[in-house]
Amino acid sequence: MRIDHDRTAILLGDATGDSIPAALIRAHAEGAIHYSLMHADINPEETDMLMENINRSLCELLSDDHFFSLFLGIWNERTRELSCTNAGHPAPLLVRGNEFQEIKSHGMLLGVLMTSRYSNSTLKLRDGDQLIVFSDGISESISQTRYQTVRQLAKRARAQERYQSREALSDLLWETAIFADDRDDDRSLLVLEIATGEENFKSSSNGPVTDRKVHPDHSPKSHGEPHGQVLQPDGTSVSYDPRTDIVFPHD
């Protein structure tokens, strides 16, 4: 969401439940987020205060058994800083070369306690930095592969030249998660990269499976590899179950 000439909000959230109840939670959350960003008297880069405002709104709107997780980041193109707060959402990854930094949670789920408090982080981003933001549908699916975590899979991928680009990494993470299991769960993935010149922020985002076209050069299937065994072996002892088409690591 564009805020002004310099600043852009980056958001990824997940509602409890599914179907119509989840859609209603999402609608309430979108309204609270939009109001807090565009109309409330809060500096957008004070993401902790923004999150507290959003939380209070959702506590008033949602029933006791409905919650919402949210990663909220404010990218400032002028200062090249990302201010962010994470409310109970899977920890995003900041990738810088071969370094992988998890942006830990800064507070509990939204809509639980009216008095919840949050903190924030400010990251100075450099050219080539990548930010990987994902829902638990992605991390839970990848947990069934030999790599077990998004961080492990991304780290192994970045060691290979063909997965250095934002598009290739996004395709790999997405398709590995989709083919790791067939649960009917929400999956959302956003991979952003800091670029030079006028295009300061590039992104690859993945939505519903039916809308997603994976580049054939990045696809695990195009390399004849079973799901979860996309990358070159790293010495880990694994077994392959053809009934589920999943590779399991040995203890």
C-alpha atoms as a PDB file:
ATOM      1  CA  MET A   1       0.000   0.000   0.000  1.00  0.00           C
ATOM      2  CA  ARG A   2       1.543   3.307  -1.112  1.00  0.00           C
ATOM      3  CA  ILE A   3       1.461   5.864   1.737  1.00  0.00           C
ATOM      4  CA  ASP A   4       3.258   8.848   0.221  1.00  0.00           C
ATOM      5  CA  HIS A   5       6.075   9.671  -2.198  1.00  0.00           C
ATOM      6  CA  ASP A   6       8.750   7.973  -0.067  1.00  0.00           C
ATOM      7  CA  ARG A   7       6.949   5.306   1.922  1.00  0.00           C
ATOM      8  CA  THR A   8       5.211   2.044   1.088  1.00  0.00           C
ATOM      9  CA  ALA A   9       3.509  -0.367   3.487  1.00  0.00           C
ATOM     10  CA  ILE A  10       4.270  -4.077   3.067  1.00  0.00           C
ATOM     11  CA  LEU A  11       1.755  -6.358   4.733  1.00  0.00           C
ATOM     12  CA  LEU A  12       1.038 -10.051   4.958  1.00  0.00           C
ATOM     13  CA  GLY A  13      -1.600 -11.377   7.341  1.00  0.00           C
ATOM     14  CA  ASP A  14      -3.521 -14.540   8.090  1.00  0.00           C
ATOM     15  CA  ALA A  15      -6.932 -15.000   9.685  1.00  0.00           C
ATOM     16  CA  THR A  16      -7.966 -17.938  11.850  1.00  0.00           C
ATOM     17  CA  GLY A  17     -10.409 -20.400  10.343  1.00  0.00           C
ATOM     18  CA  ASP A  18     -11.514 -20.529   6.734  1.00  0.00           C
ATOM     19  CA  SER A  19     -14.382 -19.746   4.389  1.00  0.00           C
ATOM     20  CA  ILE A  20     -16.814 -16.950   5.319  1.00  0.00           C
ATOM     21  CA  PRO A  21     -15.680 -16.464   8.975  1.00  0.00           C
ATOM     22  CA  ALA A  22     -12.078 -15.977   7.860  1.00  0.00           C
ATOM     23  CA  ALA A  23     -13.196 -13.625   5.088  1.00  0.00           C
ATOM     24  CA  LEU A  24     -15.014 -11.477   7.647  1.00  0.00           C
ATOM     25  CA  ILE A  25     -11.924 -11.367   9.887  1.00  0.00           C
ATOM     26  CA  ARG A  26      -9.859 -10.315   6.898  1.00  0.00           C
ATOM     27  CA  ALA A  27     -12.355  -7.581   6.003  1.00  0.00           C
ATOM     28  CA  HIS A  28     -12.245  -6.211   9.570  1.00  0.00           C
ATOM     29  CA  ALA A  29      -8.439  -6.369   9.561  1.00  0.00           C
ATOM     30  CA  GLU A  30      -8.127  -4.590   6.206  1.00  0.00           C
ATOM     31  CA  GLY A  31     -10.379  -1.795   7.437  1.00  0.00           C
ATOM     32  CA  ALA A  32      -8.411  -1.374  10.664  1.00  0.00           C
ATOM     33  CA  ILE A  33      -5.086  -1.435   8.804  1.00  0.00           C
ATOM     34  CA  HIS A  34      -6.184   1.076   6.180  1.00  0.00           C
ATOM     35  CA  TYR A  35      -7.561   3.482   8.757  1.00  0.00           C
ATOM     36  CA  SER A  36      -4.439   3.233  10.947  1.00  0.00           C
ATOM     37  CA  LEU A  37      -2.111   3.846   7.990  1.00  0.00           C
ATOM     38  CA  MET A  38      -4.005   6.584   6.202  1.00  0.00           C
ATOM     39  CA  HIS A  39      -6.137   8.397   8.775  1.00  0.00           C
ATOM     40  CA  ALA A  40      -4.899   7.828  12.330  1.00  0.00           C
ATOM     41  CA  ASP A  41      -2.564  10.442  13.799  1.00  0.00           C
ATOM     42  CA  ILE A  42       0.398   8.041  13.899  1.00  0.00           C
ATOM     43  CA  ASN A  43       3.761   8.249  12.168  1.00  0.00           C
ATOM     44  CA  PRO A  44       3.638   5.251   9.774  1.00  0.00           C
ATOM     45  CA  GLU A  45       7.223   4.335  10.640  1.00  0.00           C
ATOM     46  CA  GLU A  46       6.208   3.824  14.276  1.00  0.00           C
ATOM     47  CA  THR A  47       4.969   0.356  13.366  1.00  0.00           C
ATOM     48  CA  ASP A  48       4.640  -0.658  17.025  1.00  0.00           C
ATOM     49  CA  MET A  49       2.087   2.108  17.592  1.00  0.00           C
ATOM     50  CA  LEU A  50       0.319   1.239  14.347  1.00  0.00           C
ATOM     51  CA  MET A  51       0.059  -2.401  15.423  1.00  0.00           C
ATOM     52  CA  GLU A  52      -1.334  -1.457  18.826  1.00  0.00           C
ATOM     53  CA  ASN A  53      -3.976   0.705  17.122  1.00  0.00           C
ATOM     54  CA  ILE A  54      -4.906  -2.128  14.747  1.00  0.00           C
ATOM     55  CA  ASN A  55      -5.060  -4.568  17.659  1.00  0.00           C
ATOM     56  CA  ARG A  56      -7.424  -2.388  19.677  1.00  0.00           C
ATOM     57  CA  SER A  57      -9.741  -2.096  16.686  1.00  0.00           C
ATOM     58  CA  LEU A  58      -9.789  -5.855  16.112  1.00  0.00           C
ATOM     59  CA  CYS A  59     -10.361  -6.601  19.800  1.00  0.00           C
ATOM     60  CA  GLU A  60     -13.556  -4.551  19.550  1.00  0.00           C
ATOM     61  CA  LEU A  61     -14.658  -6.152  16.275  1.00  0.00           C
ATOM     62  CA  LEU A  62     -13.741  -9.835  16.630  1.00  0.00           C
ATOM     63  CA  SER A  63     -15.224 -12.532  18.848  1.00  0.00           C
ATOM     64  CA  ASP A  64     -13.084 -14.279  21.474  1.00  0.00           C
ATOM     65  CA  ASP A  65     -12.084 -17.198  19.229  1.00  0.00           C
ATOM     66  CA  HIS A  66     -11.082 -15.143  16.167  1.00  0.00           C
ATOM     67  CA  PHE A  67      -7.538 -13.847  15.716  1.00  0.00           C
ATOM     68  CA  PHE A  68      -5.301 -12.358  13.042  1.00  0.00           C
ATOM     69  CA  SER A  69      -1.536 -12.572  12.528  1.00  0.00           C
ATOM     70  CA  LEU A  70       0.210  -9.760  10.670  1.00  0.00           C
ATOM     71  CA  PHE A  71       3.619  -8.703   9.436  1.00  0.00           C
ATOM     72  CA  LEU A  72       3.683  -4.937   8.866  1.00  0.00           C
ATOM     73  CA  GLY A  73       6.666  -3.209   7.297  1.00  0.00           C
ATOM     74  CA  ILE A  74       7.126   0.395   6.173  1.00  0.00           C
ATOM     75  CA  TRP A  75       9.735   0.842   3.435  1.00  0.00           C
ATOM     76  CA  ASN A  76      11.212   4.330   3.115  1.00  0.00           C
ATOM     77  CA  GLU A  77      12.845   4.776  -0.301  1.00  0.00           C
ATOM     78  CA  ARG A  78      14.605   7.990   0.735  1.00  0.00           C
ATOM     79  CA  THR A  79      16.330   6.583   3.830  1.00  0.00           C
ATOM     80  CA  ARG A  80      16.378   2.998   2.496  1.00  0.00           C
ATOM     81  CA  GLU A  81      15.122   1.770   5.860  1.00  0.00           C
ATOM     82  CA  LEU A  82      12.479  -0.825   6.651  1.00  0.00           C
ATOM     83  CA  SER A  83      10.593  -0.318   9.929  1.00  0.00           C
ATOM     84  CA  CYS A  84       8.585  -3.404  10.864  1.00  0.00           C
ATOM     85  CA  THR A  85       6.509  -5.115  13.528  1.00  0.00           C
ATOM     86  CA  ASN A  86       5.420  -8.741  13.554  1.00  0.00           C
ATOM     87  CA  ALA A  87       2.259  -9.749  15.435  1.00  0.00           C
ATOM     88  CA  GLY A  88       2.297 -13.527  15.841  1.00  0.00           C
ATOM     89  CA  HIS A  89       3.210 -14.135  12.199  1.00  0.00           C
ATOM     90  CA  PRO A  90       5.919 -16.562  10.991  1.00  0.00           C
ATOM     91  CA  ALA A  91       9.274 -14.795  11.195  1.00  0.00           C
ATOM     92  CA  PRO A  92      10.231 -13.312   7.797  1.00  0.00           C
ATOM     93  CA  LEU A  93      13.769 -13.782   6.499  1.00  0.00           C
ATOM     94  CA  LEU A  94      16.179 -11.027   5.522  1.00  0.00           C
ATOM     95  CA  VAL A  95      18.681 -12.503   3.048  1.00  0.00           C
ATOM     96  CA  ARG A  96      21.957 -10.636   2.570  1.00  0.00           C
ATOM     97  CA  GLY A  97      24.409 -12.619   0.489  1.00  0.00           C
ATOM     98  CA  ASN A  98      24.788 -15.903   2.375  1.00  0.00           C
ATOM     99  CA  GLU A  99      23.462 -14.460   5.658  1.00  0.00           C
ATOM    100  CA  PHE A 100      19.905 -15.227   6.802  1.00  0.00           C
ATOM    101  CA  GLN A 101      18.412 -13.099   9.580  1.00  0.00           C
ATOM    102  CA  GLU A 102      15.010 -13.942  11.042  1.00  0.00           C
ATOM    103  CA  ILE A 103      12.811 -10.965  11.946  1.00  0.00           C
ATOM    104  CA  LYS A 104      11.373 -12.314  15.162  1.00  0.00           C
ATOM    105  CA  SER A 105       7.860 -11.724  16.423  1.00  0.00           C
ATOM    106  CA  HIS A 106       7.351  -8.434  18.268  1.00  0.00           C
ATOM    107  CA  GLY A 107       4.094  -9.373  19.980  1.00  0.00           C
ATOM    108  CA  MET A 108       1.099 -11.666  20.141  1.00  0.00           C
ATOM    109  CA  LEU A 109      -1.698 -12.234  17.648  1.00  0.00           C
ATOM    110  CA  LEU A 110      -4.074  -9.368  16.937  1.00  0.00           C
ATOM    111  CA  GLY A 111      -7.530  -9.443  18.487  1.00  0.00           C
ATOM    112  CA  VAL A 112      -6.533 -11.336  21.644  1.00  0.00           C
ATOM    113  CA  LEU A 113      -5.910  -8.691  24.326  1.00  0.00           C
ATOM    114  CA  MET A 114      -6.838  -5.029  24.178  1.00  0.00           C
ATOM    115  CA  THR A 115      -3.737  -4.172  26.256  1.00  0.00           C
ATOM    116  CA  SER A 116      -1.193  -6.004  24.060  1.00  0.00           C
ATOM    117  CA  ARG A 117       2.009  -4.087  23.467  1.00  0.00           C
ATOM    118  CA  TYR A 118       4.354  -4.391  20.498  1.00  0.00           C
ATOM    119  CA  SER A 119       7.887  -3.358  19.591  1.00  0.00           C
ATOM    120  CA  ASN A 120       9.553  -2.740  16.255  1.00  0.00           C
ATOM    121  CA  SER A 121      12.783  -3.156  14.324  1.00  0.00           C
ATOM    122  CA  THR A 122      14.423  -0.786  11.851  1.00  0.00           C
ATOM    123  CA  LEU A 123      16.616  -2.378   9.198  1.00  0.00           C
ATOM    124  CA  LYS A 124      18.963  -0.478   6.893  1.00  0.00           C
ATOM    125  CA  LEU A 125      18.656  -2.348   3.616  1.00  0.00           C
ATOM    126  CA  ARG A 126      21.312  -2.581   0.921  1.00  0.00           C
ATOM    127  CA  ASP A 127      21.266  -3.267  -2.809  1.00  0.00           C
ATOM    128  CA  GLY A 128      20.567  -6.940  -3.427  1.00  0.00           C
ATOM    129  CA  ASP A 129      18.958  -7.612  -0.021  1.00  0.00           C
ATOM    130  CA  GLN A 130      15.943  -9.905  -0.221  1.00  0.00           C
ATOM    131  CA  LEU A 131      13.045 -10.085   2.216  1.00  0.00           C
ATOM    132  CA  ILE A 132      11.019 -13.326   2.320  1.00  0.00           C
ATOM    133  CA  VAL A 133       7.602 -13.011   3.975  1.00  0.00           C
ATOM    134  CA  PHE A 134       5.272 -16.027   4.142  1.00  0.00           C
ATOM    135  CA  SER A 135       2.215 -17.476   5.849  1.00  0.00           C
ATOM    136  CA  ASP A 136       2.262 -20.580   8.051  1.00  0.00           C
ATOM    137  CA  GLY A 137       0.742 -22.513   5.152  1.00  0.00           C
ATOM    138  CA  ILE A 138       4.109 -22.171   3.404  1.00  0.00           C
ATOM    139  CA  SER A 139       6.251 -23.048   6.432  1.00  0.00           C
ATOM    140  CA  GLU A 140       4.062 -25.991   7.502  1.00  0.00           C
ATOM    141  CA  SER A 141       4.159 -27.473   4.000  1.00  0.00           C
ATOM    142  CA  ILE A 142       7.934 -27.085   3.657  1.00  0.00           C
ATOM    143  CA  SER A 143       8.335 -28.687   7.099  1.00  0.00           C
ATOM    144  CA  GLN A 144       7.335 -31.991   5.464  1.00  0.00           C
ATOM    145  CA  THR A 145      10.295 -31.900   3.074  1.00  0.00           C
ATOM    146  CA  ARG A 146      13.904 -32.773   3.797  1.00  0.00           C
ATOM    147  CA  TYR A 147      14.648 -29.088   4.409  1.00  0.00           C
ATOM    148  CA  GLN A 148      12.046 -28.740   7.200  1.00  0.00           C
ATOM    149  CA  THR A 149      12.160 -24.922   7.402  1.00  0.00           C
ATOM    150  CA  VAL A 150      11.885 -22.072   4.911  1.00  0.00           C
ATOM    151  CA  ARG A 151      15.270 -20.847   6.108  1.00  0.00           C
ATOM    152  CA  GLN A 152      16.980 -24.180   5.412  1.00  0.00           C
ATOM    153  CA  LEU A 153      15.475 -24.438   1.932  1.00  0.00           C
ATOM    154  CA  ALA A 154      16.301 -20.820   1.060  1.00  0.00           C
ATOM    155  CA  LYS A 155      19.859 -21.190   2.352  1.00  0.00           C
ATOM    156  CA  ARG A 156      20.481 -24.308   0.273  1.00  0.00           C
ATOM    157  CA  ALA A 157      18.905 -22.620  -2.755  1.00  0.00           C
ATOM    158  CA  ARG A 158      21.049 -19.492  -2.496  1.00  0.00           C
ATOM    159  CA  ALA A 159      24.154 -21.685  -2.658  1.00  0.00           C
ATOM    160  CA  GLN A 160      23.233 -22.504  -6.264  1.00  0.00           C
ATOM    161  CA  GLU A 161      23.556 -19.963  -9.036  1.00  0.00           C
ATOM    162  CA  ARG A 162      20.200 -20.666 -10.650  1.00  0.00           C
ATOM    163  CA  TYR A 163      18.333 -19.637  -7.459  1.00  0.00           C
ATOM    164  CA  GLN A 164      20.131 -16.333  -6.859  1.00  0.00           C
ATOM    165  CA  SER A 165      17.412 -14.232  -8.523  1.00  0.00           C
ATOM    166  CA  ARG A 166      14.260 -13.114  -6.739  1.00  0.00           C
ATOM    167  CA  GLU A 167      12.018 -14.806  -9.325  1.00  0.00           C
ATOM    168  CA  ALA A 168      13.786 -18.164  -9.166  1.00  0.00           C
ATOM    169  CA  LEU A 169      13.853 -18.229  -5.356  1.00  0.00           C
ATOM    170  CA  SER A 170      10.180 -17.295  -5.179  1.00  0.00           C
ATOM    171  CA  ASP A 171       9.244 -20.024  -7.661  1.00  0.00           C
ATOM    172  CA  LEU A 172      11.261 -22.637  -5.783  1.00  0.00           C
ATOM    173  CA  LEU A 173       9.781 -21.837  -2.364  1.00  0.00           C
ATOM    174  CA  TRP A 174       6.258 -21.669  -3.779  1.00  0.00           C
ATOM    175  CA  GLU A 175       6.303 -24.881  -5.765  1.00  0.00           C
ATOM    176  CA  THR A 176       8.073 -26.849  -3.041  1.00  0.00           C
ATOM    177  CA  ALA A 177       5.347 -25.797  -0.582  1.00  0.00           C
ATOM    178  CA  ILE A 178       2.507 -26.523  -3.016  1.00  0.00           C
ATOM    179  CA  PHE A 179       3.703 -30.023  -3.880  1.00  0.00           C
ATOM    180  CA  ALA A 180       4.862 -30.978  -0.387  1.00  0.00           C
ATOM    181  CA  ASP A 181       1.299 -31.755   0.729  1.00  0.00           C
ATOM    182  CA  ASP A 182      -2.274 -31.424  -0.466  1.00  0.00           C
ATOM    183  CA  ARG A 183      -3.875 -29.811   2.592  1.00  0.00           C
ATOM    184  CA  ASP A 184      -6.507 -27.187   1.909  1.00  0.00           C
ATOM    185  CA  ASP A 185      -4.654 -24.368   3.638  1.00  0.00           C
ATOM    186  CA  ASP A 186      -3.939 -20.749   2.750  1.00  0.00           C
ATOM    187  CA  ARG A 187      -0.488 -20.201   1.299  1.00  0.00           C
ATOM    188  CA  SER A 188       0.934 -16.730   0.737  1.00  0.00           C
ATOM    189  CA  LEU A 189       4.473 -15.804  -0.220  1.00  0.00           C
ATOM    190  CA  LEU A 190       6.114 -12.438  -0.880  1.00  0.00           C
ATOM    191  CA  VAL A 191       9.751 -12.063  -1.931  1.00  0.00           C
ATOM    192  CA  LEU A 192      11.086  -8.505  -2.197  1.00  0.00           C
ATOM    193  CA  GLU A 193      14.469  -7.292  -3.364  1.00  0.00           C
ATOM    194  CA  ILE A 194      16.277  -3.978  -3.049  1.00  0.00           C
ATOM    195  CA  ALA A 195      17.453  -2.885  -6.486  1.00  0.00           C
ATOM    196  CA  THR A 196      19.536   0.018  -7.730  1.00  0.00           C
ATOM    197  CA  GLY A 197      18.327   2.980  -9.781  1.00  0.00           C
ATOM    198  CA  GLU A 198      14.725   4.064 -10.071  1.00  0.00           C
ATOM    199  CA  GLU A 199      13.349   0.609  -9.313  1.00  0.00           C
ATOM    200  CA  ASN A 200      14.249   0.622  -5.634  1.00  0.00           C
ATOM    201  CA  PHE A 201      11.938  -2.186  -4.603  1.00  0.00           C
ATOM    202  CA  LYS A 202      11.092  -5.217  -6.728  1.00  0.00           C
ATOM    203  CA  SER A 203       8.704  -7.928  -5.622  1.00  0.00           C
ATOM    204  CA  SER A 204       7.448 -11.365  -6.520  1.00  0.00           C
ATOM    205  CA  SER A 205       4.228 -12.372  -4.798  1.00  0.00           C
ATOM    206  CA  ASN A 206       2.318 -15.612  -5.057  1.00  0.00           C
ATOM    207  CA  GLY A 207      -1.416 -15.977  -4.678  1.00  0.00           C
ATOM    208  CA  PRO A 208      -3.852 -18.841  -5.341  1.00  0.00           C
ATOM    209  CA  VAL A 209      -2.442 -21.894  -7.074  1.00  0.00           C
ATOM    210  CA  THR A 210      -4.697 -21.354 -10.084  1.00  0.00           C
ATOM    211  CA  ASP A 211      -3.237 -17.869 -10.582  1.00  0.00           C
ATOM    212  CA  ARG A 212       0.402 -18.846 -10.227  1.00  0.00           C
ATOM    213  CA  LYS A 213       2.550 -19.738 -13.252  1.00  0.00           C
ATOM    214  CA  VAL A 214       5.972 -20.997 -12.234  1.00  0.00           C
ATOM    215  CA  HIS A 215       8.818 -20.257 -14.632  1.00  0.00           C
ATOM    216  CA  PRO A 216       9.861 -23.597 -16.177  1.00  0.00           C
ATOM    217  CA  ASP A 217      13.566 -22.938 -15.583  1.00  0.00           C
ATOM    218  CA  HIS A 218      12.897 -22.541 -11.843  1.00  0.00           C
ATOM    219  CA  SER A 219      10.482 -25.432 -11.410  1.00  0.00           C
ATOM    220  CA  PRO A 220      11.516 -28.579  -9.499  1.00  0.00           C
ATOM    221  CA  LYS A 221       9.513 -30.629 -11.995  1.00  0.00           C
ATOM    222  CA  SER A 222      11.564 -29.408 -14.954  1.00  0.00           C
ATOM    223  CA  HIS A 223      14.707 -30.859 -13.363  1.00  0.00           C
ATOM    224  CA  GLY A 224      13.163 -34.297 -12.817  1.00  0.00           C
ATOM    225  CA  GLU A 225      13.503 -34.120  -9.048  1.00  0.00           C
ATOM    226  CA  PRO A 226      10.940 -35.338  -6.481  1.00  0.00           C
ATOM    227  CA  HIS A 227       9.286 -32.686  -4.359  1.00  0.00           C
ATOM    228  CA  GLY A 228      11.370 -31.809  -1.314  1.00  0.00           C
ATOM    229  CA  GLN A 229      14.546 -32.945  -3.103  1.00  0.00           C
ATOM    230  CA  VAL A 230      14.873 -29.982  -5.425  1.00  0.00           C
ATOM    231  CA  LEU A 231      18.439 -29.035  -4.549  1.00  0.00           C
ATOM    232  CA  GLN A 232      21.733 -30.874  -4.834  1.00  0.00           C
ATOM    233  CA  PRO A 233      22.356 -33.391  -2.001  1.00  0.00           C
ATOM    234  CA  ASP A 234      24.087 -31.940   1.059  1.00  0.00           C
ATOM    235  CA  GLY A 235      25.054 -35.210   2.713  1.00  0.00           C
ATOM    236  CA  THR A 236      21.829 -35.543   4.711  1.00  0.00           C
ATOM    237  CA  SER A 237      20.537 -39.108   4.920  1.00  0.00           C
ATOM    238  CA  VAL A 238      16.989 -39.232   3.600  1.00  0.00           C
ATOM    239  CA  SER A 239      14.326 -41.709   2.544  1.00  0.00           C
ATOM    240  CA  TYR A 240      11.751 -41.214  -0.176  1.00  0.00           C
ATOM    241  CA  ASP A 241       8.125 -42.303   0.231  1.00  0.00           C
ATOM    242  CA  PRO A 242       6.606 -42.787  -3.255  1.00  0.00           C
ATOM    243  CA  ARG A 243       3.086 -42.973  -1.809  1.00  0.00           C
ATOM    244  CA  THR A 244       3.252 -39.367  -0.633  1.00  0.00           C
ATOM    245  CA  ASP A 245       6.021 -38.183  -2.994  1.00  0.00           C
ATOM    246  CA  ILE A 246       7.827 -36.615  -0.033  1.00  0.00           C
ATOM    247  CA  VAL A 247      11.436 -36.998   1.066  1.00  0.00           C
ATOM    248  CA  PHE A 248      11.914 -37.497   4.803  1.00  0.00           C
ATOM    249  CA  PRO A 249      15.218 -36.843   6.653  1.00  0.00           C
ATOM    250  CA  HIS A 250      16.571 -39.594   8.894  1.00  0.00           C
ATOM    251  CA  ASP A 251      17.128 -38.819  12.579  1.00  0.00           C
END
